[in-house]
Amino acid sequence: MLDRGFLISFSGILTFPKASDLREVAGKVPLDRLLVETDSPFLAPVPFRGAGRRNEPAFVVETAKVLAGLKGLDLAGLAAATTANFARLFPFEKTADGC
């Protein structure tokens, strides 16, 4: 998919203890091709996983923390990169009223 120009997004599964193969893959994806997502209401990341808890967008930071660690970045560095990637994927122009 990288050869075809796709971006690769990771969800809370990245935080699961048995997802070592996925973390290995995530570590190899170039920083300019990464996104982080929530799979609400399913697949909550560790430490929110289990006991019938619903996933929610606020939990995406847990996935981002793991991904940042894999890339050797702090959370702010990963956030800057994934925000820039999102803006490239979904470009928009502001209207005259600034929206």
N, C-alpha and C. Protein backbone atom coordinates (compact mmCIF):
# COMPACT_ATOMS: atom_id res chain seq x y z
N MET A 1 0.82 -1.19 0.00
CA MET A 1 0.00 0.00 0.00
C MET A 1 0.87 1.26 0.00
N LEU A 2 2.01 1.20 0.65
CA LEU A 2 2.90 2.36 0.63
C LEU A 2 3.38 2.64 -0.79
N ASP A 3 3.68 1.60 -1.56
CA ASP A 3 4.12 1.79 -2.94
C ASP A 3 3.04 2.45 -3.80
N ARG A 4 1.80 2.32 -3.40
CA ARG A 4 0.69 2.92 -4.13
C ARG A 4 0.34 4.31 -3.62
N GLY A 5 1.08 4.80 -2.62
CA GLY A 5 0.87 6.15 -2.13
C GLY A 5 -0.11 6.29 -0.97
N PHE A 6 -0.56 5.16 -0.43
CA PHE A 6 -1.51 5.21 0.66
C PHE A 6 -0.87 5.66 1.97
N LEU A 7 -1.68 6.23 2.85
CA LEU A 7 -1.28 6.46 4.23
C LEU A 7 -1.79 5.28 5.04
N ILE A 8 -1.12 4.99 6.14
CA ILE A 8 -1.47 3.84 6.97
C ILE A 8 -1.91 4.36 8.33
N SER A 9 -3.08 3.93 8.78
CA SER A 9 -3.63 4.39 10.05
C SER A 9 -3.68 3.24 11.05
N PHE A 10 -3.40 3.59 12.30
CA PHE A 10 -3.39 2.59 13.36
C PHE A 10 -4.42 2.94 14.42
N SER A 11 -5.08 1.92 14.93
CA SER A 11 -6.12 2.08 15.95
C SER A 11 -5.63 1.51 17.28
N GLY A 12 -6.55 1.40 18.23
CA GLY A 12 -6.23 0.90 19.56
C GLY A 12 -5.64 -0.50 19.59
N ILE A 13 -5.83 -1.26 18.54
CA ILE A 13 -5.24 -2.60 18.48
C ILE A 13 -3.73 -2.54 18.67
N LEU A 14 -3.12 -1.44 18.26
CA LEU A 14 -1.67 -1.27 18.40
C LEU A 14 -1.22 -1.41 19.85
N THR A 15 -2.10 -1.11 20.80
CA THR A 15 -1.74 -1.15 22.22
C THR A 15 -1.95 -2.52 22.86
N PHE A 16 -2.57 -3.44 22.16
CA PHE A 16 -2.88 -4.75 22.73
C PHE A 16 -1.59 -5.54 22.97
N PRO A 17 -1.48 -6.22 24.09
CA PRO A 17 -0.25 -6.97 24.40
C PRO A 17 0.18 -7.96 23.31
N LYS A 18 -0.78 -8.61 22.67
CA LYS A 18 -0.44 -9.63 21.66
C LYS A 18 -0.25 -9.06 20.26
N ALA A 19 -0.22 -7.73 20.12
CA ALA A 19 -0.11 -7.09 18.80
C ALA A 19 1.34 -6.74 18.45
N SER A 20 2.27 -7.55 18.86
CA SER A 20 3.69 -7.25 18.59
C SER A 20 4.00 -7.19 17.10
N ASP A 21 3.37 -8.05 16.31
CA ASP A 21 3.59 -8.01 14.85
C ASP A 21 3.11 -6.69 14.27
N LEU A 22 1.97 -6.21 14.75
CA LEU A 22 1.45 -4.93 14.27
C LEU A 22 2.37 -3.78 14.68
N ARG A 23 2.88 -3.82 15.90
CA ARG A 23 3.81 -2.78 16.34
C ARG A 23 5.09 -2.80 15.50
N GLU A 24 5.53 -3.98 15.11
CA GLU A 24 6.71 -4.08 14.23
C GLU A 24 6.43 -3.40 12.89
N VAL A 25 5.27 -3.64 12.34
CA VAL A 25 4.88 -3.01 11.07
C VAL A 25 4.80 -1.50 11.25
N ALA A 26 4.15 -1.05 12.32
CA ALA A 26 3.99 0.38 12.57
C ALA A 26 5.34 1.08 12.67
N GLY A 27 6.29 0.42 13.27
CA GLY A 27 7.62 1.00 13.39
C GLY A 27 8.31 1.21 12.06
N LYS A 28 7.89 0.47 11.05
CA LYS A 28 8.52 0.55 9.73
C LYS A 28 7.83 1.53 8.77
N VAL A 29 6.63 1.96 9.11
CA VAL A 29 5.90 2.89 8.24
C VAL A 29 6.55 4.28 8.37
N PRO A 30 6.89 4.90 7.25
CA PRO A 30 7.51 6.23 7.31
C PRO A 30 6.59 7.24 8.01
N LEU A 31 7.20 8.14 8.74
CA LEU A 31 6.47 9.13 9.53
C LEU A 31 5.50 9.95 8.67
N ASP A 32 5.89 10.23 7.44
CA ASP A 32 5.02 11.06 6.59
C ASP A 32 3.87 10.28 5.96
N ARG A 33 3.70 9.02 6.39
CA ARG A 33 2.61 8.18 5.86
C ARG A 33 1.70 7.66 6.97
N LEU A 34 1.88 8.14 8.20
CA LEU A 34 1.15 7.63 9.36
C LEU A 34 -0.08 8.47 9.71
N LEU A 35 -1.10 7.77 10.16
CA LEU A 35 -2.27 8.39 10.78
C LEU A 35 -2.61 7.57 12.02
N VAL A 36 -3.33 8.19 12.94
CA VAL A 36 -3.81 7.51 14.14
C VAL A 36 -5.32 7.68 14.17
N GLU A 37 -6.02 6.61 14.53
CA GLU A 37 -7.48 6.67 14.50
C GLU A 37 -8.09 6.00 15.72
N THR A 38 -9.33 6.31 15.95
CA THR A 38 -10.11 5.59 16.93
C THR A 38 -11.09 4.72 16.16
N ASP A 39 -11.41 3.58 16.70
CA ASP A 39 -12.39 2.70 16.08
C ASP A 39 -13.65 2.70 16.94
N SER A 40 -14.06 3.90 17.36
CA SER A 40 -15.23 4.00 18.24
C SER A 40 -16.44 3.41 17.56
N PRO A 41 -17.24 2.70 18.26
CA PRO A 41 -17.19 2.44 19.69
C PRO A 41 -16.47 1.14 20.07
N PHE A 42 -15.72 0.56 19.14
CA PHE A 42 -15.08 -0.72 19.40
C PHE A 42 -13.58 -0.59 19.57
N LEU A 43 -12.94 -1.66 20.03
CA LEU A 43 -11.49 -1.81 20.09
C LEU A 43 -10.79 -0.71 20.88
N ALA A 44 -11.26 -0.47 22.08
CA ALA A 44 -10.62 0.52 22.95
C ALA A 44 -9.17 0.11 23.22
N PRO A 45 -8.27 1.08 23.27
CA PRO A 45 -6.87 0.77 23.55
C PRO A 45 -6.65 0.44 25.02
N VAL A 46 -5.55 -0.24 25.28
CA VAL A 46 -5.10 -0.43 26.65
C VAL A 46 -4.77 0.97 27.16
N PRO A 47 -5.17 1.41 28.31
CA PRO A 47 -5.72 0.71 29.47
C PRO A 47 -7.24 0.71 29.56
N PHE A 48 -7.94 1.09 28.51
CA PHE A 48 -9.40 1.19 28.55
C PHE A 48 -10.09 -0.05 27.99
N ARG A 49 -9.33 -1.02 27.60
CA ARG A 49 -9.86 -2.22 26.95
C ARG A 49 -10.55 -3.13 27.97
N GLY A 50 -11.60 -3.77 27.54
CA GLY A 50 -12.24 -4.81 28.35
C GLY A 50 -13.39 -4.30 29.21
N ALA A 51 -13.97 -5.24 29.91
CA ALA A 51 -15.06 -4.99 30.85
C ALA A 51 -16.22 -4.24 30.19
N GLY A 52 -16.43 -4.47 28.90
CA GLY A 52 -17.56 -3.88 28.21
C GLY A 52 -17.47 -2.38 27.99
N ARG A 53 -16.26 -1.83 28.16
CA ARG A 53 -16.10 -0.38 27.99
C ARG A 53 -16.15 -0.02 26.51
N ARG A 54 -16.84 1.06 26.23
CA ARG A 54 -16.90 1.58 24.87
C ARG A 54 -15.66 2.40 24.58
N ASN A 55 -15.19 2.33 23.37
CA ASN A 55 -14.10 3.20 22.92
C ASN A 55 -14.67 4.58 22.63
N GLU A 56 -13.85 5.58 22.76
CA GLU A 56 -14.28 6.94 22.43
C GLU A 56 -13.08 7.70 21.89
N PRO A 57 -13.32 8.76 21.13
CA PRO A 57 -12.22 9.50 20.50
C PRO A 57 -11.15 9.99 21.47
N ALA A 58 -11.51 10.29 22.70
CA ALA A 58 -10.54 10.79 23.67
C ALA A 58 -9.44 9.76 23.95
N PHE A 59 -9.73 8.48 23.71
CA PHE A 59 -8.76 7.43 24.00
C PHE A 59 -7.68 7.30 22.92
N VAL A 60 -7.83 7.98 21.80
CA VAL A 60 -6.86 7.85 20.70
C VAL A 60 -5.45 8.25 21.15
N VAL A 61 -5.36 9.05 22.18
CA VAL A 61 -4.05 9.46 22.69
C VAL A 61 -3.24 8.24 23.16
N GLU A 62 -3.89 7.20 23.63
CA GLU A 62 -3.17 6.01 24.08
C GLU A 62 -2.50 5.30 22.90
N THR A 63 -3.19 5.24 21.79
CA THR A 63 -2.61 4.69 20.57
C THR A 63 -1.46 5.56 20.09
N ALA A 64 -1.66 6.87 20.13
CA ALA A 64 -0.62 7.81 19.71
C ALA A 64 0.63 7.69 20.58
N LYS A 65 0.47 7.47 21.86
CA LYS A 65 1.63 7.31 22.75
C LYS A 65 2.47 6.10 22.35
N VAL A 66 1.80 4.99 22.05
CA VAL A 66 2.52 3.79 21.63
C VAL A 66 3.22 4.04 20.30
N LEU A 67 2.54 4.64 19.37
CA LEU A 67 3.12 4.92 18.06
C LEU A 67 4.29 5.89 18.17
N ALA A 68 4.16 6.90 18.99
CA ALA A 68 5.27 7.84 19.21
C ALA A 68 6.49 7.11 19.75
N GLY A 69 6.28 6.22 20.70
CA GLY A 69 7.39 5.44 21.24
C GLY A 69 8.06 4.59 20.18
N LEU A 70 7.28 3.99 19.32
CA LEU A 70 7.85 3.17 18.24
C LEU A 70 8.68 4.00 17.27
N LYS A 71 8.29 5.25 17.09
CA LYS A 71 8.99 6.13 16.15
C LYS A 71 10.10 6.94 16.83
N GLY A 72 10.26 6.79 18.15
CA GLY A 72 11.29 7.54 18.87
C GLY A 72 10.97 9.02 19.00
N LEU A 73 9.68 9.33 19.09
CA LEU A 73 9.22 10.72 19.18
C LEU A 73 8.49 10.96 20.49
N ASP A 74 8.39 12.22 20.85
CA ASP A 74 7.47 12.55 21.94
C ASP A 74 6.08 12.70 21.32
N LEU A 75 5.07 12.78 22.17
CA LEU A 75 3.70 12.83 21.69
C LEU A 75 3.44 14.05 20.80
N ALA A 76 4.04 15.18 21.15
CA ALA A 76 3.86 16.41 20.35
C ALA A 76 4.44 16.23 18.95
N GLY A 77 5.57 15.57 18.84
CA GLY A 77 6.18 15.33 17.53
C GLY A 77 5.32 14.43 16.66
N LEU A 78 4.77 13.39 17.26
CA LEU A 78 3.89 12.51 16.50
C LEU A 78 2.61 13.25 16.11
N ALA A 79 2.06 14.04 17.02
CA ALA A 79 0.85 14.80 16.72
C ALA A 79 1.08 15.76 15.56
N ALA A 80 2.22 16.42 15.55
CA ALA A 80 2.52 17.35 14.45
C ALA A 80 2.59 16.61 13.12
N ALA A 81 3.25 15.46 13.12
CA ALA A 81 3.40 14.69 11.88
C ALA A 81 2.05 14.16 11.39
N THR A 82 1.26 13.57 12.29
CA THR A 82 -0.02 13.01 11.85
C THR A 82 -1.02 14.09 11.47
N THR A 83 -0.94 15.24 12.11
CA THR A 83 -1.81 16.36 11.73
C THR A 83 -1.45 16.86 10.33
N ALA A 84 -0.15 16.96 10.04
CA ALA A 84 0.29 17.37 8.70
C ALA A 84 -0.14 16.33 7.65
N ASN A 85 -0.04 15.05 8.00
CA ASN A 85 -0.46 14.00 7.08
C ASN A 85 -1.96 14.09 6.80
N PHE A 86 -2.74 14.33 7.84
CA PHE A 86 -4.18 14.48 7.68
C PHE A 86 -4.50 15.66 6.76
N ALA A 87 -3.80 16.77 6.97
CA ALA A 87 -4.06 17.97 6.15
C ALA A 87 -3.71 17.73 4.68
N ARG A 88 -2.69 16.92 4.42
CA ARG A 88 -2.36 16.57 3.03
C ARG A 88 -3.42 15.66 2.43
N LEU A 89 -3.93 14.75 3.24
CA LEU A 89 -4.93 13.79 2.75
C LEU A 89 -6.28 14.46 2.51
N PHE A 90 -6.64 15.39 3.39
CA PHE A 90 -7.93 16.08 3.31
C PHE A 90 -7.72 17.59 3.24
N PRO A 91 -7.20 18.08 2.12
CA PRO A 91 -6.94 19.52 2.02
C PRO A 91 -8.24 20.31 1.96
N PHE A 92 -8.20 21.50 2.48
CA PHE A 92 -9.36 22.38 2.40
C PHE A 92 -8.88 23.81 2.32
N GLU A 93 -9.74 24.63 1.80
CA GLU A 93 -9.44 26.06 1.71
C GLU A 93 -10.39 26.80 2.63
N LYS A 94 -9.86 27.79 3.34
CA LYS A 94 -10.72 28.60 4.19
C LYS A 94 -11.58 29.50 3.32
N THR A 95 -12.78 29.73 3.78
CA THR A 95 -13.69 30.64 3.08
C THR A 95 -13.38 32.07 3.50
N ALA A 96 -14.02 33.01 2.89
CA ALA A 96 -13.80 34.42 3.20
C ALA A 96 -14.08 34.74 4.66
N ASP A 97 -14.99 33.99 5.29
CA ASP A 97 -15.30 34.26 6.68
C ASP A 97 -14.38 33.50 7.65
N GLY A 98 -13.34 32.85 7.12
CA GLY A 98 -12.34 32.17 7.95
C GLY A 98 -12.66 30.75 8.32
N CYS A 99 -13.75 30.21 7.85
CA CYS A 99 -14.15 28.83 8.17
C CYS A 99 -13.59 27.84 7.18
